């Protein structure tokens, strides 16, 4: 079964945003055969503003990506990671190029599927 990956990025090329500071997620769809394609860009309001965290904005942000199985971000706090986990979304920290990180996720996800 296919799945989606959200990448927190300023340019659609590199994962370069902290989850709480992200204002754009680039969504990729991974098909059953392991091929993938860019699906869309989703604009969100950043929940972290000058050290203050707005939980309502955080919830709205997560609702915009809750159809994704994985979220790529440069960093993520434990609170945000816990909220994502409750929604069965796996956050992964990296500063790689999006395509390279997606390749790693595809391998990881295949191993998980074979292990279960």
C-alpha atoms as a PDB file:
ATOM      1  CA  UNK A   1       0.000   0.000   0.000  1.00  0.00           C
ATOM      2  CA  UNK A   2       1.362   3.425  -0.951  1.00  0.00           C
ATOM      3  CA  UNK A   3       1.945   6.299   1.429  1.00  0.00           C
ATOM      4  CA  UNK A   4       2.859   9.965   1.569  1.00  0.00           C
ATOM      5  CA  UNK A   5       5.881  11.784   2.938  1.00  0.00           C
ATOM      6  CA  UNK A   6       5.871  15.451   4.010  1.00  0.00           C
ATOM      7  CA  UNK A   7       9.185  17.307   3.861  1.00  0.00           C
ATOM      8  CA  UNK A   8       9.726  20.596   5.720  1.00  0.00           C
ATOM      9  CA  UNK A   9      11.662  22.636   3.180  1.00  0.00           C
ATOM     10  CA  UNK A  10      12.148  26.213   2.057  1.00  0.00           C
ATOM     11  CA  UNK A  11      12.953  25.277  -1.538  1.00  0.00           C
ATOM     12  CA  UNK A  12      11.498  21.830  -2.249  1.00  0.00           C
ATOM     13  CA  UNK A  13      14.993  20.389  -2.630  1.00  0.00           C
ATOM     14  CA  UNK A  14      16.537  20.106   0.833  1.00  0.00           C
ATOM     15  CA  UNK A  15      15.069  19.322   4.229  1.00  0.00           C
ATOM     16  CA  UNK A  16      16.049  22.555   5.971  1.00  0.00           C
ATOM     17  CA  UNK A  17      13.284  23.499   8.392  1.00  0.00           C
ATOM     18  CA  UNK A  18      12.683  22.700  12.049  1.00  0.00           C
ATOM     19  CA  UNK A  19       9.193  21.205  12.320  1.00  0.00           C
ATOM     20  CA  UNK A  20       7.846  24.035  14.482  1.00  0.00           C
ATOM     21  CA  UNK A  21       9.275  26.694  12.181  1.00  0.00           C
ATOM     22  CA  UNK A  22       8.081  25.138   8.928  1.00  0.00           C
ATOM     23  CA  UNK A  23       5.654  27.082   6.795  1.00  0.00           C
ATOM     24  CA  UNK A  24       5.786  24.777   3.777  1.00  0.00           C
ATOM     25  CA  UNK A  25       5.661  21.001   3.371  1.00  0.00           C
ATOM     26  CA  UNK A  26       6.449  19.315   0.071  1.00  0.00           C
ATOM     27  CA  UNK A  27       4.340  16.176  -0.231  1.00  0.00           C
ATOM     28  CA  UNK A  28       5.607  13.113  -2.076  1.00  0.00           C
ATOM     29  CA  UNK A  29       3.533  10.040  -2.891  1.00  0.00           C
ATOM     30  CA  UNK A  30       5.281   6.667  -2.770  1.00  0.00           C
ATOM     31  CA  UNK A  31       3.616   3.920  -4.803  1.00  0.00           C
ATOM     32  CA  UNK A  32       3.531   0.214  -3.989  1.00  0.00           C
ATOM     33  CA  UNK A  33       6.373  -0.529  -6.402  1.00  0.00           C
ATOM     34  CA  UNK A  34       8.691   1.961  -4.654  1.00  0.00           C
ATOM     35  CA  UNK A  35       8.454   4.663  -7.302  1.00  0.00           C
ATOM     36  CA  UNK A  36       7.549   8.118  -6.100  1.00  0.00           C
ATOM     37  CA  UNK A  37       6.537  11.527  -7.362  1.00  0.00           C
ATOM     38  CA  UNK A  38       6.028  15.024  -6.036  1.00  0.00           C
ATOM     39  CA  UNK A  39       2.344  15.498  -5.317  1.00  0.00           C
ATOM     40  CA  UNK A  40       1.920  19.022  -3.990  1.00  0.00           C
ATOM     41  CA  UNK A  41       3.164  21.872  -1.832  1.00  0.00           C
ATOM     42  CA  UNK A  42       1.171  22.612   1.319  1.00  0.00           C
ATOM     43  CA  UNK A  43       1.424  25.985   3.015  1.00  0.00           C
ATOM     44  CA  UNK A  44       0.921  26.035   6.799  1.00  0.00           C
ATOM     45  CA  UNK A  45       1.184  28.571   9.574  1.00  0.00           C
ATOM     46  CA  UNK A  46       4.299  28.070  11.668  1.00  0.00           C
ATOM     47  CA  UNK A  47       3.347  27.268  15.301  1.00  0.00           C
ATOM     48  CA  UNK A  48       6.650  28.464  16.762  1.00  0.00           C
ATOM     49  CA  UNK A  49       7.008  32.234  16.788  1.00  0.00           C
ATOM     50  CA  UNK A  50       9.962  33.768  18.613  1.00  0.00           C
ATOM     51  CA  UNK A  51      10.165  30.944  21.152  1.00  0.00           C
ATOM     52  CA  UNK A  52       6.426  30.796  21.829  1.00  0.00           C
ATOM     53  CA  UNK A  53       4.467  27.734  20.750  1.00  0.00           C
ATOM     54  CA  UNK A  54       0.809  27.969  19.821  1.00  0.00           C
ATOM     55  CA  UNK A  55      -0.838  24.574  20.367  1.00  0.00           C
ATOM     56  CA  UNK A  56      -3.884  25.514  18.275  1.00  0.00           C
ATOM     57  CA  UNK A  57      -1.707  26.399  15.308  1.00  0.00           C
ATOM     58  CA  UNK A  58       0.281  23.197  15.882  1.00  0.00           C
ATOM     59  CA  UNK A  59      -2.924  21.151  15.673  1.00  0.00           C
ATOM     60  CA  UNK A  60      -3.965  22.902  12.444  1.00  0.00           C
ATOM     61  CA  UNK A  61      -0.511  22.312  10.975  1.00  0.00           C
ATOM     62  CA  UNK A  62      -0.628  18.611  11.774  1.00  0.00           C
ATOM     63  CA  UNK A  63      -4.153  18.319  10.345  1.00  0.00           C
ATOM     64  CA  UNK A  64      -2.773  19.567   7.011  1.00  0.00           C
ATOM     65  CA  UNK A  65      -0.274  16.683   6.884  1.00  0.00           C
ATOM     66  CA  UNK A  66      -2.199  13.958   8.710  1.00  0.00           C
ATOM     67  CA  UNK A  67      -2.531  11.896   5.529  1.00  0.00           C
ATOM     68  CA  UNK A  68       1.256  11.393   5.535  1.00  0.00           C
ATOM     69  CA  UNK A  69       3.005   8.391   7.034  1.00  0.00           C
ATOM     70  CA  UNK A  70       6.371  10.153   7.490  1.00  0.00           C
ATOM     71  CA  UNK A  71       7.484  13.732   8.082  1.00  0.00           C
ATOM     72  CA  UNK A  72      11.008  14.859   7.260  1.00  0.00           C
ATOM     73  CA  UNK A  73      12.335  17.852   9.178  1.00  0.00           C
ATOM     74  CA  UNK A  74      15.687  19.262  10.201  1.00  0.00           C
ATOM     75  CA  UNK A  75      14.720  18.936  13.886  1.00  0.00           C
ATOM     76  CA  UNK A  76      11.594  18.381  15.978  1.00  0.00           C
ATOM     77  CA  UNK A  77      10.763  18.833  19.640  1.00  0.00           C
ATOM     78  CA  UNK A  78       9.511  15.991  21.792  1.00  0.00           C
ATOM     79  CA  UNK A  79       6.032  17.508  22.180  1.00  0.00           C
ATOM     80  CA  UNK A  80       5.441  17.796  18.442  1.00  0.00           C
ATOM     81  CA  UNK A  81       6.911  14.317  17.890  1.00  0.00           C
ATOM     82  CA  UNK A  82       4.479  12.888  20.464  1.00  0.00           C
ATOM     83  CA  UNK A  83       1.482  14.539  18.757  1.00  0.00           C
ATOM     84  CA  UNK A  84       2.582  13.122  15.397  1.00  0.00           C
ATOM     85  CA  UNK A  85       3.048   9.654  16.928  1.00  0.00           C
ATOM     86  CA  UNK A  86      -0.521   9.779  18.281  1.00  0.00           C
ATOM     87  CA  UNK A  87      -1.655  10.251  14.677  1.00  0.00           C
ATOM     88  CA  UNK A  88       0.591   7.398  13.466  1.00  0.00           C
ATOM     89  CA  UNK A  89       2.960   9.767  11.655  1.00  0.00           C
ATOM     90  CA  UNK A  90       6.667   9.052  12.019  1.00  0.00           C
ATOM     91  CA  UNK A  91       8.879  12.148  12.245  1.00  0.00           C
ATOM     92  CA  UNK A  92      12.416  11.761  10.954  1.00  0.00           C
ATOM     93  CA  UNK A  93      15.198  14.296  11.449  1.00  0.00           C
ATOM     94  CA  UNK A  94      17.609  14.924   8.580  1.00  0.00           C
ATOM     95  CA  UNK A  95      19.242  17.717   6.638  1.00  0.00           C
ATOM     96  CA  UNK A  96      19.597  15.681   3.441  1.00  0.00           C
ATOM     97  CA  UNK A  97      18.231  16.481   0.039  1.00  0.00           C
ATOM     98  CA  UNK A  98      14.566  15.430  -0.093  1.00  0.00           C
ATOM     99  CA  UNK A  99      15.080  12.823  -2.852  1.00  0.00           C
ATOM    100  CA  UNK A 100      17.935  11.165  -0.959  1.00  0.00           C
ATOM    101  CA  UNK A 101      15.930  11.068   2.289  1.00  0.00           C
ATOM    102  CA  UNK A 102      12.921   9.603   0.458  1.00  0.00           C
ATOM    103  CA  UNK A 103      15.142   6.834  -0.900  1.00  0.00           C
ATOM    104  CA  UNK A 104      16.179   5.957   2.657  1.00  0.00           C
ATOM    105  CA  UNK A 105      12.554   5.974   3.821  1.00  0.00           C
ATOM    106  CA  UNK A 106      11.495   3.641   1.022  1.00  0.00           C
ATOM    107  CA  UNK A 107      14.189   1.129   2.049  1.00  0.00           C
ATOM    108  CA  UNK A 108      13.269   1.510   5.723  1.00  0.00           C
ATOM    109  CA  UNK A 109       9.554   1.073   5.059  1.00  0.00           C
ATOM    110  CA  UNK A 110      10.145  -2.060   2.938  1.00  0.00           C
ATOM    111  CA  UNK A 111      12.171  -3.577   5.783  1.00  0.00           C
ATOM    112  CA  UNK A 112       9.372  -2.799   8.217  1.00  0.00           C
ATOM    113  CA  UNK A 113       6.812  -4.442   5.934  1.00  0.00           C
ATOM    114  CA  UNK A 114       8.927  -7.594   5.592  1.00  0.00           C
ATOM    115  CA  UNK A 115       9.521  -7.775   9.335  1.00  0.00           C
ATOM    116  CA  UNK A 116       5.818  -7.761  10.194  1.00  0.00           C
END
